[in-house]
Protein backbone atom coordinates (compact mmCIF):
# COMPACT_ATOMS: atom_id res chain seq x y z
CA MET A 1 -11.09 102.44 -188.02
CA SER A 2 -10.37 98.80 -188.81
CA ALA A 3 -7.55 97.86 -191.12
CA HIS A 4 -8.31 97.23 -194.75
CA PRO A 5 -8.50 93.46 -195.41
CA SER A 6 -5.65 93.65 -197.91
CA SER A 7 -3.34 95.07 -195.25
CA ILE A 8 -3.82 92.18 -192.78
CA VAL A 9 -0.70 90.03 -192.54
CA THR A 10 -1.32 86.31 -192.02
CA PRO A 11 1.19 84.88 -189.52
CA ARG A 12 3.67 82.39 -190.99
CA ILE A 13 4.24 79.62 -188.50
CA ALA A 14 7.04 77.08 -188.99
CA ARG A 15 6.18 73.81 -187.31
CA GLY A 16 8.86 72.09 -185.26
CA GLY A 17 9.28 68.71 -183.59
CA LYS A 18 11.98 67.06 -185.70
CA ALA A 19 15.76 67.14 -185.74
CA ILE A 20 16.17 67.17 -189.55
CA TYR A 21 13.89 68.53 -192.29
CA GLY A 22 13.56 68.08 -196.04
CA ALA A 23 14.50 64.38 -196.14
CA PRO A 24 11.36 62.35 -195.44
CA LEU A 25 12.81 58.97 -196.50
CA GLY A 26 15.04 57.01 -194.12
CA ILE A 27 17.25 54.17 -195.40
CA LEU A 28 18.55 51.39 -193.15
CA MET A 29 22.01 50.37 -194.39
CA LEU A 30 23.95 47.16 -193.97
CA GLU A 31 27.50 47.51 -192.69
CA ALA A 32 29.82 46.98 -195.66
CA LYS A 33 32.90 48.45 -197.38
CA PHE A 34 32.40 47.62 -201.05
CA PRO A 35 32.13 50.59 -203.43
CA ARG A 36 28.66 52.06 -203.80
CA ILE A 37 28.63 53.48 -207.29
CA PRO A 38 25.98 55.88 -208.65
CA GLY A 39 22.76 53.89 -208.97
CA ASP A 40 23.54 51.88 -205.86
CA MET A 41 21.04 52.55 -203.08
CA GLY A 42 23.86 53.50 -200.71
CA ASN A 43 25.17 56.24 -202.98
CA ALA A 44 23.30 59.42 -202.09
CA THR A 45 23.71 60.82 -205.60
CA THR A 46 21.42 58.03 -206.86
CA TRP A 47 18.36 59.76 -205.49
CA PRO A 48 16.65 62.82 -207.00
CA PHE A 49 15.69 63.84 -203.44
CA PRO A 50 17.49 64.02 -200.07
CA VAL A 51 17.51 60.89 -197.90
CA LEU A 52 18.55 59.98 -194.36
CA TYR A 53 20.89 57.04 -193.79
CA ARG A 54 21.53 54.88 -190.74
CA VAL A 55 24.06 52.01 -190.76
CA VAL A 56 22.99 49.03 -188.66
CA SER A 57 26.16 47.99 -186.86
CA GLY A 58 27.02 44.33 -187.25
CA ALA A 59 24.52 43.73 -190.04
CA SER A 60 26.96 42.51 -192.68
CA PRO A 61 25.71 41.37 -196.11
CA GLU A 62 26.91 37.85 -195.30
CA LYS A 63 24.85 37.73 -192.08
CA VAL A 64 21.73 39.11 -193.75
CA VAL A 65 21.88 37.31 -197.10
CA LEU A 66 23.47 33.99 -196.16
CA LYS A 67 22.42 33.60 -192.53
CA GLY A 68 18.84 34.89 -192.49
CA ALA A 69 19.68 38.06 -190.52
CA ALA A 70 19.51 35.93 -187.38
CA GLY A 71 19.38 38.01 -184.20
CA LEU A 72 19.42 41.34 -186.03
CA LEU A 73 15.74 42.33 -185.86
CA PRO A 74 16.07 44.43 -182.65
CA ASP A 75 18.98 46.34 -184.19
CA PHE A 76 17.01 47.14 -187.33
CA ILE A 77 14.00 48.28 -185.30
CA ASP A 78 16.17 50.51 -183.10
CA ALA A 79 17.85 52.05 -186.15
CA ALA A 80 14.48 52.62 -187.85
CA LYS A 81 13.17 54.35 -184.75
CA ASP A 82 16.26 56.58 -184.71
CA LEU A 83 15.56 57.60 -188.31
CA VAL A 84 11.95 58.43 -187.44
CA ARG A 85 13.13 60.53 -184.48
CA LEU A 86 15.45 62.40 -186.83
CA GLY A 87 12.60 63.22 -189.17
CA ALA A 88 12.01 60.26 -191.49
CA GLU A 89 8.38 59.87 -192.52
CA ALA A 90 8.93 56.47 -194.16
CA ILE A 91 11.56 53.73 -193.93
CA THR A 92 13.23 51.45 -196.44
CA THR A 93 16.30 49.21 -196.37
CA ASN A 94 19.25 48.49 -198.62
CA CYS A 95 18.79 44.73 -198.78
CA GLY A 96 15.89 42.88 -200.41
CA PHE A 97 16.43 39.95 -198.02
CA LEU A 98 15.05 42.12 -195.20
CA SER A 99 11.54 41.30 -196.42
CA LEU A 100 11.81 38.84 -193.52
CA PHE A 101 11.37 41.82 -191.17
CA GLN A 102 8.67 43.72 -193.09
CA LYS A 103 5.82 43.14 -190.66
CA GLU A 104 7.94 43.58 -187.54
CA ILE A 105 9.56 46.86 -188.56
CA ALA A 106 6.31 48.27 -189.92
CA GLY A 107 4.59 47.35 -186.66
CA ALA A 108 7.26 49.01 -184.54
CA VAL A 109 7.93 52.42 -186.09
CA GLY A 110 4.52 53.94 -186.86
CA VAL A 111 5.37 55.14 -190.39
CA PRO A 112 5.16 53.45 -193.83
CA VAL A 113 7.86 50.81 -194.35
CA ALA A 114 9.07 49.16 -197.56
CA THR A 115 11.86 46.73 -196.72
CA SER A 116 12.41 45.05 -200.09
CA SER A 117 12.36 45.59 -203.83
CA LEU A 118 10.51 42.27 -203.95
CA MET A 119 7.37 44.07 -202.77
CA GLN A 120 6.91 45.31 -206.36
CA VAL A 121 6.26 41.83 -207.72
CA PRO A 122 2.43 41.77 -207.26
CA TRP A 123 2.14 45.23 -208.80
CA VAL A 124 4.36 44.35 -211.79
CA GLN A 125 2.47 41.07 -212.25
CA ALA A 126 -0.78 43.00 -212.54
CA THR A 127 0.62 44.87 -215.57
CA LEU A 128 1.50 41.76 -217.59
CA PRO A 129 -0.55 40.05 -220.31
CA PRO A 130 -2.22 36.72 -219.54
CA GLY A 131 0.27 33.85 -219.52
CA LYS A 132 3.21 36.05 -218.52
CA ARG A 133 4.77 36.31 -215.07
CA VAL A 134 7.51 38.09 -213.14
CA GLY A 135 10.98 36.61 -212.72
CA LEU A 136 13.55 37.55 -210.09
CA VAL A 137 17.27 38.19 -210.28
CA THR A 138 18.81 38.05 -206.81
CA VAL A 139 22.30 38.26 -205.41
CA SER A 140 21.88 34.81 -203.82
CA GLY A 141 19.34 32.43 -205.28
CA SER A 142 20.34 29.58 -202.95
CA THR A 143 19.39 31.54 -199.80
CA LEU A 144 16.33 33.44 -201.04
CA THR A 145 13.80 31.29 -199.22
CA PRO A 146 10.00 30.95 -199.35
CA ALA A 147 9.92 33.04 -196.16
CA HIS A 148 11.64 35.93 -197.95
CA LEU A 149 9.16 35.70 -200.81
CA ALA A 150 6.14 35.42 -198.52
CA GLY A 151 7.30 38.45 -196.53
CA ALA A 152 7.05 40.55 -199.70
CA GLY A 153 3.87 38.98 -201.06
CA VAL A 154 5.68 37.16 -203.87
CA PRO A 155 4.19 33.90 -205.23
CA LEU A 156 6.33 31.00 -204.04
CA ASP A 157 6.63 29.52 -207.55
CA THR A 158 8.23 32.68 -208.94
CA PRO A 159 11.32 31.86 -211.06
CA VAL A 160 14.58 32.99 -209.43
CA VAL A 161 18.19 33.14 -210.61
CA GLY A 162 21.11 34.31 -208.45
CA THR A 163 24.58 35.68 -209.13
CA GLU A 164 26.49 33.18 -206.94
CA ASN A 165 28.25 31.64 -209.94
CA GLY A 166 29.44 34.94 -211.35
CA ARG A 167 32.98 36.24 -211.27
CA GLU A 168 32.58 39.51 -209.33
CA PHE A 169 29.24 40.67 -207.96
CA PHE A 170 28.63 37.98 -205.32
CA ARG A 171 32.31 37.74 -204.36
CA VAL A 172 32.57 41.45 -203.58
CA LEU A 173 29.14 42.23 -202.14
CA ILE A 174 28.40 39.13 -200.09
CA LYS A 175 31.69 37.35 -199.47
CA ALA A 176 33.64 40.62 -199.03
CA GLU A 177 36.70 39.08 -200.67
CA LYS A 178 37.95 42.57 -201.58
CA ASP A 179 36.96 46.22 -201.22
CA ASP A 180 37.31 47.11 -204.90
CA MET A 181 34.93 45.99 -207.65
CA ASP A 182 35.29 45.55 -211.39
CA ILE A 183 32.10 47.25 -212.60
CA ALA A 184 32.16 45.63 -216.03
CA LEU A 185 32.43 42.15 -214.51
CA ALA A 186 29.67 42.95 -212.02
CA GLU A 187 27.43 44.02 -214.90
CA GLN A 188 28.20 40.80 -216.75
CA ASP A 189 27.15 38.80 -213.68
CA VAL A 190 23.79 40.55 -213.41
CA VAL A 191 23.08 40.48 -217.14
CA GLY A 192 24.14 36.84 -217.34
CA ALA A 193 21.77 35.89 -214.53
CA GLY A 194 18.94 37.72 -216.29
CA ARG A 195 19.66 36.01 -219.59
CA ASP A 196 19.63 32.61 -217.87
CA LEU A 197 16.35 33.45 -216.15
CA VAL A 198 14.61 34.33 -219.41
CA ALA A 199 16.14 31.42 -221.32
CA ASN A 200 14.92 28.91 -218.74
CA HIS A 201 11.47 30.47 -218.34
CA PRO A 202 10.03 31.73 -221.66
CA ASP A 203 6.84 32.87 -219.91
CA ILE A 204 8.62 35.70 -218.08
CA GLY A 205 7.23 39.09 -219.04
CA ALA A 206 9.19 41.33 -216.65
CA ILE A 207 12.11 41.11 -214.23
CA VAL A 208 12.39 42.47 -210.69
CA LEU A 209 15.90 42.88 -209.25
CA GLU A 210 15.99 41.91 -205.58
CA CYS A 211 19.39 43.38 -204.78
CA THR A 212 19.62 47.10 -204.07
CA ASN A 213 23.11 47.19 -205.60
CA MET A 214 21.79 46.14 -209.02
CA PRO A 215 20.16 49.35 -210.38
CA PRO A 216 23.43 50.44 -212.09
CA TYR A 217 23.03 47.39 -214.35
CA ALA A 218 19.26 47.49 -214.93
CA ALA A 219 19.52 49.35 -218.25
CA ALA A 220 22.05 46.86 -219.61
CA LEU A 221 19.85 43.95 -218.54
CA GLN A 222 16.75 45.50 -220.11
CA ALA A 223 18.62 45.99 -223.37
CA ALA A 224 19.87 42.41 -223.28
CA VAL A 225 16.53 40.68 -222.66
CA GLY A 226 14.07 43.18 -224.15
CA LEU A 227 11.76 43.07 -221.12
CA PRO A 228 10.79 45.62 -218.46
CA VAL A 229 13.21 45.61 -215.51
CA TYR A 230 12.23 46.96 -212.10
CA ASP A 231 14.49 47.51 -209.10
CA ILE A 232 14.77 49.34 -205.80
CA TYR A 233 15.17 52.65 -207.66
CA SER A 234 11.83 52.26 -209.42
CA MET A 235 10.16 51.26 -206.17
CA ILE A 236 11.59 53.96 -203.93
CA THR A 237 10.99 56.80 -206.36
CA TRP A 238 7.34 55.66 -206.38
CA PHE A 239 7.35 55.32 -202.57
CA HIS A 240 8.78 58.83 -202.13
CA ALA A 241 6.24 60.32 -204.56
CA GLY A 242 3.54 59.65 -201.98
CA LEU A 243 5.53 61.43 -199.29
CA ARG A 244 6.04 64.54 -201.40
CA PRO A 245 3.47 64.61 -204.24
CA ARG A 246 4.33 66.99 -207.04
CA ALA A 247 2.50 70.31 -206.79
CA PHE A 248 1.16 71.24 -210.22
CA SER A 249 0.05 74.76 -209.39
């Protein structure tokens, strides 16, 4: 006599092939010692999901932001491949200036890659009313070149303001003048740059923050200028949603 259909047990097979599970997003990190507060991309508590990190040795913020990441592409590709071998199903980075390497990393690792918060600009632009455009706040306006913008699909005439003339943010993150950071001063630098951006360009309808260390100050900037503010947090939570769509039933 055959078994009743309700008594048949379907085998449960766990699929292998990776080293680590449950963290589909891999983040390539610059090598730095400044504090990464909650909201910073390099603080794991920022994310509402697990992530994998890999520090790229020798890739200091100064080299990447001020010197065009010269000679570092092979190191970033190797680190991205390591993350994929560990189990990452998509790759991002913790510096918007790495838009320079978007095509190369995406072509080398075989998984989706989003190197820069700047990649949101075309999407944000599409949401704005006629006559309005996106403006950028970056850690270093003087070294954010047309090549960086083109690598992320950003119009080359996009208004940009940096934090180089501030009292804290640029000094700590890029120049590495000290390991500690005055959070209130850093916030003032970011908000001040955003205020200047909007004051000089009245047609701005939304702001995108290039720097992945700026999300802790996004709410203060939005309150100060009264415009939508997008950053690496908004982009990566969207990016991750495609890797693990919410199950509604």
